[in-house]
Amino acid sequence: MSLTSEATTLWFGDLKGGSGTTSLDSSDAAEFPVSWAARSEGEAGKTNPEELLGAAHSACYSMALSGALATNGTPPESLQVTAAVTFEPGTGITGSHLLVSAKVAGISDEDFQRIAADAKTNCPVSRALAGIPITLEASLA
């Protein structure tokens, strides 16, 4: 069974002076203000496509790693995953860096690193981002 999720952005004005809102339609969980300044320079109180992409990547990777660790017989107690997505005006999205801190009992660092790397490769959002470099920094807490 497939699931299609939707989000909608309403934009007003030109690129540099305009702004808008992005709504998570499928879940009705939130609406976020967006602007070019938030994307190119950082603007308090507003988000950008890269932050939203980072949210998707960190959530997806957390699920992939959790499932892989459970399949290994070492389910995690907790995972903290940050996805730092870089945007360069004029170039575009240049990479996503996954920073992972995990509490997992009964696993060696070598096995954890192998499973973490495999989850990075096989996470559906990582696969969708195949056109950019994805780096991983994973540690056991």
Protein backbone atom coordinates (compact mmCIF):
# COMPACT_ATOMS: atom_id res chain seq x y z
CA MET A 1 0.00 0.00 0.00
CA SER A 2 1.43 3.38 -0.94
CA LEU A 3 0.87 6.67 0.84
CA THR A 4 1.06 10.08 -0.79
CA SER A 5 1.74 13.01 1.52
CA GLU A 6 1.06 16.61 0.59
CA ALA A 7 2.35 20.05 1.52
CA THR A 8 1.33 23.37 -0.01
CA THR A 9 3.16 26.68 -0.23
CA LEU A 10 1.42 30.00 -0.80
CA TRP A 11 3.90 32.61 -2.06
CA PHE A 12 3.32 36.34 -2.47
CA GLY A 13 5.60 38.74 -4.31
CA ASP A 14 8.92 38.39 -6.05
CA LEU A 15 11.77 36.14 -4.94
CA LYS A 16 13.81 38.53 -2.81
CA GLY A 17 11.04 40.65 -1.35
CA GLY A 18 8.28 38.10 -1.21
CA SER A 19 7.35 35.55 1.40
CA GLY A 20 4.87 32.80 2.01
CA THR A 21 3.74 29.90 4.13
CA THR A 22 4.24 26.17 3.75
CA SER A 23 1.52 23.96 5.22
CA LEU A 24 1.74 20.27 6.01
CA ASP A 25 -1.58 19.34 4.42
CA SER A 26 -1.74 15.60 4.97
CA SER A 27 -1.21 15.76 8.72
CA ASP A 28 -2.47 19.30 9.30
CA ALA A 29 0.35 19.38 11.87
CA ALA A 30 1.85 22.78 11.11
CA GLU A 31 2.21 25.82 8.91
CA PHE A 32 5.58 27.53 8.51
CA PRO A 33 6.50 30.99 7.23
CA VAL A 34 9.12 30.94 4.44
CA SER A 35 11.17 33.60 2.65
CA TRP A 36 14.22 34.02 0.43
CA ALA A 37 16.05 35.76 3.29
CA ALA A 38 15.44 32.71 5.49
CA ARG A 39 16.88 30.54 2.73
CA SER A 40 19.89 32.59 1.71
CA GLU A 41 20.88 34.33 4.95
CA GLY A 42 18.88 32.79 7.79
CA GLU A 43 15.95 34.68 9.25
CA ALA A 44 14.62 34.12 12.76
CA GLY A 45 11.10 32.75 12.89
CA LYS A 46 11.05 31.58 9.27
CA THR A 47 12.08 28.30 7.71
CA ASN A 48 13.38 27.30 4.29
CA PRO A 49 13.27 24.26 2.00
CA GLU A 50 16.62 22.99 3.30
CA GLU A 51 15.47 22.99 6.93
CA LEU A 52 12.33 21.11 5.91
CA LEU A 53 14.46 18.69 3.88
CA GLY A 54 16.70 18.24 6.93
CA ALA A 55 13.63 17.40 9.01
CA ALA A 56 12.59 14.79 6.45
CA HIS A 57 16.09 13.33 6.22
CA SER A 58 16.65 13.13 10.00
CA ALA A 59 13.24 11.52 10.58
CA CYS A 60 13.68 9.01 7.75
CA TYR A 61 17.21 8.10 8.78
CA SER A 62 16.12 7.65 12.42
CA MET A 63 13.47 5.17 11.31
CA ALA A 64 15.88 3.32 8.98
CA LEU A 65 18.59 3.06 11.65
CA SER A 66 16.12 2.01 14.34
CA GLY A 67 14.76 -0.75 12.10
CA ALA A 68 18.22 -1.96 11.10
CA LEU A 69 19.42 -2.06 14.71
CA ALA A 70 16.30 -4.00 15.75
CA THR A 71 16.87 -6.49 12.90
CA ASN A 72 20.41 -6.91 14.24
CA GLY A 73 18.92 -7.86 17.64
CA THR A 74 20.14 -4.61 19.23
CA PRO A 75 17.19 -2.18 19.20
CA PRO A 76 18.18 1.34 20.24
CA GLU A 77 17.21 2.87 23.54
CA SER A 78 17.35 6.27 21.85
CA LEU A 79 18.63 7.99 18.72
CA GLN A 80 19.38 11.66 18.20
CA VAL A 81 19.79 12.50 14.52
CA THR A 82 20.50 15.92 13.07
CA ALA A 83 20.55 16.44 9.31
CA ALA A 84 22.43 19.59 8.30
CA VAL A 85 21.48 20.47 4.71
CA THR A 86 23.66 23.08 2.99
CA PHE A 87 22.34 25.55 0.40
CA GLU A 88 24.54 27.86 -1.67
CA PRO A 89 22.69 30.62 -3.57
CA GLY A 90 23.43 30.25 -7.27
CA THR A 91 24.51 26.63 -6.84
CA GLY A 92 21.72 24.92 -4.91
CA ILE A 93 21.73 22.18 -2.29
CA THR A 94 25.28 20.92 -1.92
CA GLY A 95 25.00 18.23 0.74
CA SER A 96 23.40 16.70 3.79
CA HIS A 97 25.41 15.77 6.87
CA LEU A 98 23.88 13.28 9.31
CA LEU A 99 25.07 13.63 12.92
CA VAL A 100 23.98 10.67 15.05
CA SER A 101 24.24 9.93 18.76
CA ALA A 102 22.80 6.56 19.76
CA LYS A 103 22.21 4.65 22.97
CA VAL A 104 22.36 0.98 21.99
CA ALA A 105 23.14 -1.81 24.44
CA GLY A 106 25.10 -4.89 23.41
CA ILE A 107 26.63 -3.66 20.14
CA SER A 108 30.25 -3.09 19.19
CA ASP A 109 31.27 0.22 17.66
CA GLU A 110 32.34 -1.65 14.51
CA ASP A 111 28.89 -3.24 14.08
CA PHE A 112 27.17 0.04 14.89
CA GLN A 113 29.20 1.93 12.27
CA ARG A 114 28.43 -0.73 9.64
CA ILE A 115 24.69 -0.63 10.38
CA ALA A 116 24.65 3.19 10.53
CA ALA A 117 26.36 3.43 7.12
CA ASP A 118 23.98 0.90 5.60
CA ALA A 119 20.97 2.81 6.95
CA LYS A 120 22.38 6.01 5.38
CA THR A 121 22.57 4.29 2.00
CA ASN A 122 19.13 2.65 2.23
CA CYS A 123 17.03 5.36 3.89
CA PRO A 124 14.39 6.36 1.30
CA VAL A 125 15.16 10.07 1.69
CA SER A 126 18.89 9.38 1.24
CA ARG A 127 18.04 7.53 -1.97
CA ALA A 128 15.93 10.50 -3.11
CA LEU A 129 18.92 12.77 -2.41
CA ALA A 130 21.30 10.65 -4.51
CA GLY A 131 22.37 13.73 -6.49
CA ILE A 132 24.16 15.31 -3.51
CA PRO A 133 26.88 14.12 -1.12
CA ILE A 134 25.54 12.64 2.12
CA THR A 135 28.02 12.35 4.96
CA LEU A 136 27.63 10.54 8.28
CA GLU A 137 29.12 11.08 11.71
CA ALA A 138 27.73 8.43 14.07
CA SER A 139 28.69 7.64 17.66
CA LEU A 140 27.47 5.53 20.53
CA ALA A 141 26.54 7.56 23.61
